[in-house]
Protein backbone atom coordinates (compact mmCIF):
# COMPACT_ATOMS: atom_id res chain seq x y z
CA UNK A 1 -0.01 -0.02 -0.13
CA UNK A 2 1.18 3.56 -0.98
CA UNK A 3 1.95 6.08 1.75
CA UNK A 4 -0.72 8.51 0.07
CA UNK A 5 -3.74 5.59 0.64
CA UNK A 6 -2.22 4.76 4.09
CA UNK A 7 -2.40 9.06 5.00
CA UNK A 8 -6.19 8.84 3.01
CA UNK A 9 -7.32 5.79 5.17
CA UNK A 10 -6.12 7.22 8.12
CA UNK A 11 -7.71 10.71 7.42
CA UNK A 12 -11.25 9.02 6.91
CA UNK A 13 -10.87 6.99 9.96
CA UNK A 14 -9.87 9.82 12.03
CA UNK A 15 -12.91 11.83 10.20
CA UNK A 16 -15.43 8.79 11.63
CA UNK A 17 -14.06 8.63 14.79
CA UNK A 18 -14.63 12.43 15.28
CA UNK A 19 -18.11 12.28 13.65
CA UNK A 20 -18.81 9.03 16.12
CA UNK A 21 -17.51 11.19 19.18
CA UNK A 22 -19.53 14.22 18.61
CA UNK A 23 -22.68 11.91 18.11
CA UNK A 24 -21.87 10.35 21.16
CA UNK A 25 -21.31 13.70 23.21
CA UNK A 26 -24.66 15.25 21.99
CA UNK A 27 -26.56 12.17 23.29
CA UNK A 28 -26.11 10.01 20.51
CA UNK A 29 -28.84 8.99 18.34
CA UNK A 30 -32.09 8.30 19.75
CA UNK A 31 -34.88 6.21 18.75
CA UNK A 32 -37.70 7.80 17.03
CA UNK A 33 -40.17 5.59 18.92
CA UNK A 34 -41.95 6.43 21.92
CA UNK A 35 -40.73 5.56 25.54
CA UNK A 36 -44.13 5.24 26.62
CA UNK A 37 -47.20 4.73 24.91
CA UNK A 38 -50.93 6.05 25.62
CA UNK A 39 -54.41 4.95 24.86
CA UNK A 40 -56.53 7.34 22.65
CA UNK A 41 -58.09 9.58 25.05
CA UNK A 42 -54.88 10.12 26.77
CA UNK A 43 -52.97 10.72 23.51
CA UNK A 44 -55.38 13.48 22.56
CA UNK A 45 -55.08 15.54 25.99
CA UNK A 46 -51.24 14.87 25.47
CA UNK A 47 -51.17 16.45 21.82
CA UNK A 48 -53.19 19.33 22.96
CA UNK A 49 -50.59 20.17 25.79
CA UNK A 50 -47.85 19.52 23.01
CA UNK A 51 -49.58 22.27 20.89
CA UNK A 52 -50.11 24.18 24.08
CA UNK A 53 -45.87 24.18 24.79
CA UNK A 54 -44.90 24.78 21.39
CA UNK A 55 -47.21 28.20 21.34
CA UNK A 56 -45.41 28.95 24.62
CA UNK A 57 -41.95 28.01 23.24
CA UNK A 58 -42.38 30.79 20.22
CA UNK A 59 -42.72 33.49 23.23
CA UNK A 60 -40.51 32.08 25.87
CA UNK A 61 -37.88 34.40 25.17
CA UNK A 62 -39.99 37.52 26.49
CA UNK A 63 -40.96 35.43 29.53
CA UNK A 64 -37.38 33.78 30.19
CA UNK A 65 -39.79 30.24 30.85
CA UNK A 66 -38.04 28.42 27.69
CA UNK A 67 -36.12 26.08 29.82
CA UNK A 68 -39.48 25.21 31.61
CA UNK A 69 -41.47 25.01 28.18
CA UNK A 70 -38.89 22.59 26.75
CA UNK A 71 -38.54 20.74 29.99
CA UNK A 72 -42.69 20.18 29.45
CA UNK A 73 -42.40 19.64 25.94
CA UNK A 74 -39.85 16.89 26.15
CA UNK A 75 -42.14 15.04 29.00
CA UNK A 76 -44.53 14.75 26.69
CA UNK A 77 -42.51 13.88 23.63
CA UNK A 78 -41.65 10.82 25.77
CA UNK A 79 -45.23 9.52 24.28
CA UNK A 80 -44.41 10.49 20.51
CA UNK A 81 -40.40 10.10 19.88
CA UNK A 82 -37.45 9.53 22.24
CA UNK A 83 -35.73 11.48 19.44
CA UNK A 84 -37.48 14.52 19.83
CA UNK A 85 -37.53 14.32 23.78
CA UNK A 86 -33.98 14.12 23.71
CA UNK A 87 -34.18 17.30 21.53
CA UNK A 88 -36.03 19.47 23.98
CA UNK A 89 -34.04 17.93 27.00
CA UNK A 90 -31.02 19.23 25.17
CA UNK A 91 -32.92 22.57 24.67
CA UNK A 92 -33.30 22.85 28.44
CA UNK A 93 -29.76 22.42 29.08
CA UNK A 94 -28.79 25.17 26.60
CA UNK A 95 -31.15 27.78 27.77
CA UNK A 96 -30.61 27.41 31.63
CA UNK A 97 -27.27 25.08 32.07
CA UNK A 98 -27.16 25.64 36.29
CA UNK A 99 -30.81 25.30 36.50
CA UNK A 100 -32.74 22.16 38.13
CA UNK A 101 -34.24 21.06 35.13
CA UNK A 102 -30.97 21.33 33.46
CA UNK A 103 -29.89 18.52 36.11
CA UNK A 104 -33.01 16.58 35.43
CA UNK A 105 -32.73 16.84 31.34
CA UNK A 106 -29.19 15.28 31.76
CA UNK A 107 -30.43 12.37 33.62
CA UNK A 108 -33.29 11.94 31.16
CA UNK A 109 -30.76 12.13 28.66
CA UNK A 110 -28.52 9.46 29.87
CA UNK A 111 -31.62 7.38 30.70
CA UNK A 112 -32.81 7.69 26.61
CA UNK A 113 -29.37 6.52 25.66
CA UNK A 114 -29.81 3.32 27.67
CA UNK A 115 -33.63 2.95 27.36
CA UNK A 116 -33.68 0.17 25.08
CA UNK A 117 -32.08 -2.36 27.84
CA UNK A 118 -33.31 -0.40 30.72
CA UNK A 119 -37.57 -0.52 30.23
CA UNK A 120 -39.03 -3.90 29.58
CA UNK A 121 -42.62 -3.76 28.60
CA UNK A 122 -45.02 -4.02 30.91
CA UNK A 123 -42.39 -4.36 33.60
CA UNK A 124 -42.48 -2.55 36.96
CA UNK A 125 -39.67 -0.74 36.62
CA UNK A 126 -41.43 0.83 33.11
CA UNK A 127 -44.84 1.34 34.69
CA UNK A 128 -43.26 3.26 37.50
CA UNK A 129 -41.44 5.64 35.05
CA UNK A 130 -44.71 6.10 33.38
CA UNK A 131 -46.31 7.06 36.36
CA UNK A 132 -43.49 9.48 37.32
CA UNK A 133 -43.67 11.00 34.19
CA UNK A 134 -47.51 11.82 34.23
CA UNK A 135 -47.15 13.13 37.50
CA UNK A 136 -44.66 15.45 36.68
CA UNK A 137 -46.66 16.58 33.73
CA UNK A 138 -49.66 17.19 35.74
CA UNK A 139 -47.56 19.39 38.16
CA UNK A 140 -46.19 21.15 35.10
CA UNK A 141 -49.32 21.66 33.45
CA UNK A 142 -50.96 23.05 37.21
CA UNK A 143 -47.94 25.55 37.81
CA UNK A 144 -48.40 26.54 33.99
CA UNK A 145 -52.31 26.99 34.56
CA UNK A 146 -51.25 28.78 37.83
CA UNK A 147 -48.80 30.83 35.91
CA UNK A 148 -51.18 32.14 33.38
CA UNK A 149 -53.93 32.95 35.67
CA UNK A 150 -51.41 35.32 37.44
CA UNK A 151 -50.47 36.63 34.20
CA UNK A 152 -53.82 37.03 33.45
CA UNK A 153 -54.54 38.82 36.99
CA UNK A 154 -51.38 41.10 36.22
CA UNK A 155 -52.71 42.31 32.82
CA UNK A 156 -56.28 43.48 34.06
CA UNK A 157 -54.39 45.14 36.39
CA UNK A 158 -52.09 46.98 34.08
CA UNK A 159 -54.99 47.56 32.09
CA UNK A 160 -57.19 49.12 34.68
CA UNK A 161 -54.17 51.33 36.21
CA UNK A 162 -53.51 52.53 32.24
CA UNK A 163 -56.96 53.59 32.03
CA UNK A 164 -56.58 55.49 35.56
CA UNK A 165 -53.46 57.07 34.43
CA UNK A 166 -55.27 58.44 31.35
CA UNK A 167 -58.23 59.52 33.05
CA UNK A 168 -56.05 61.72 35.42
CA UNK A 169 -53.89 62.75 32.25
CA UNK A 170 -57.10 63.99 31.07
CA UNK A 171 -58.25 66.08 34.17
CA UNK A 172 -54.75 67.41 34.40
CA UNK A 173 -54.99 68.83 31.02
CA UNK A 174 -58.64 70.01 31.40
CA UNK A 175 -57.55 71.67 34.79
CA UNK A 176 -54.69 73.66 33.19
CA UNK A 177 -56.91 74.89 30.20
CA UNK A 178 -59.19 76.60 32.89
CA UNK A 179 -56.56 78.24 34.83
CA UNK A 180 -54.85 79.39 31.78
CA UNK A 181 -55.04 83.66 32.12
CA UNK A 182 -57.15 85.02 29.40
CA UNK A 183 -55.54 87.56 27.11
CA UNK A 184 -55.62 91.20 28.41
CA UNK A 185 -57.70 93.41 26.11
CA UNK A 186 -55.86 95.61 23.50
CA UNK A 187 -56.54 98.88 25.01
CA UNK A 188 -57.20 99.86 28.41
CA UNK A 189 -60.28 101.93 28.97
CA UNK A 190 -59.59 105.20 30.54
CA UNK A 191 -60.33 106.23 34.14
CA UNK A 192 -63.70 107.47 34.80
CA UNK A 193 -63.08 111.10 35.81
CA UNK A 194 -64.70 111.21 39.54
CA UNK A 195 -65.29 114.56 39.99
CA UNK A 196 -67.11 115.46 36.84
CA UNK A 197 -70.51 113.80 37.36
CA UNK A 198 -73.57 114.99 36.10
């Protein structure tokens, strides 16, 4: 074998190892199959929640809640695709690397990486894990609903205070207009002569 061929094959080997290492560092390939399965009514509920979370992800930069939205979306994706779940867990880590959700997301990524051997269908470990995920989803959606109610109450207060401020500005403007001195007459009338009365 000539030296050029050896160098070429060596570079190809290094490239393949680099790509493999990068894939492993990113968590590697994940299955596109769901980790858990739902019956039809639960699946419809989860799809509605997933749609809600996707909408929150569109606006989460404004409220700095992307990590929570990605985390909830990742939990929901465990019932859709492990690959989608892994992407959302990675997004949590990127959005808030020092948060408790990032730690949990890291655990889930490691778990998903080993999931095919870790979960046996209908096993007690699989059922317990599924139950924990459902409980987490209930907590996350409850917290989300409470937050949404609080935001609505805050928005109402802001709207009410804005209306009051506008009314006060209008009153202030009217008061200023009423207290402006009138224009003085162009000619002042001559003083009346006190001594010449007929």
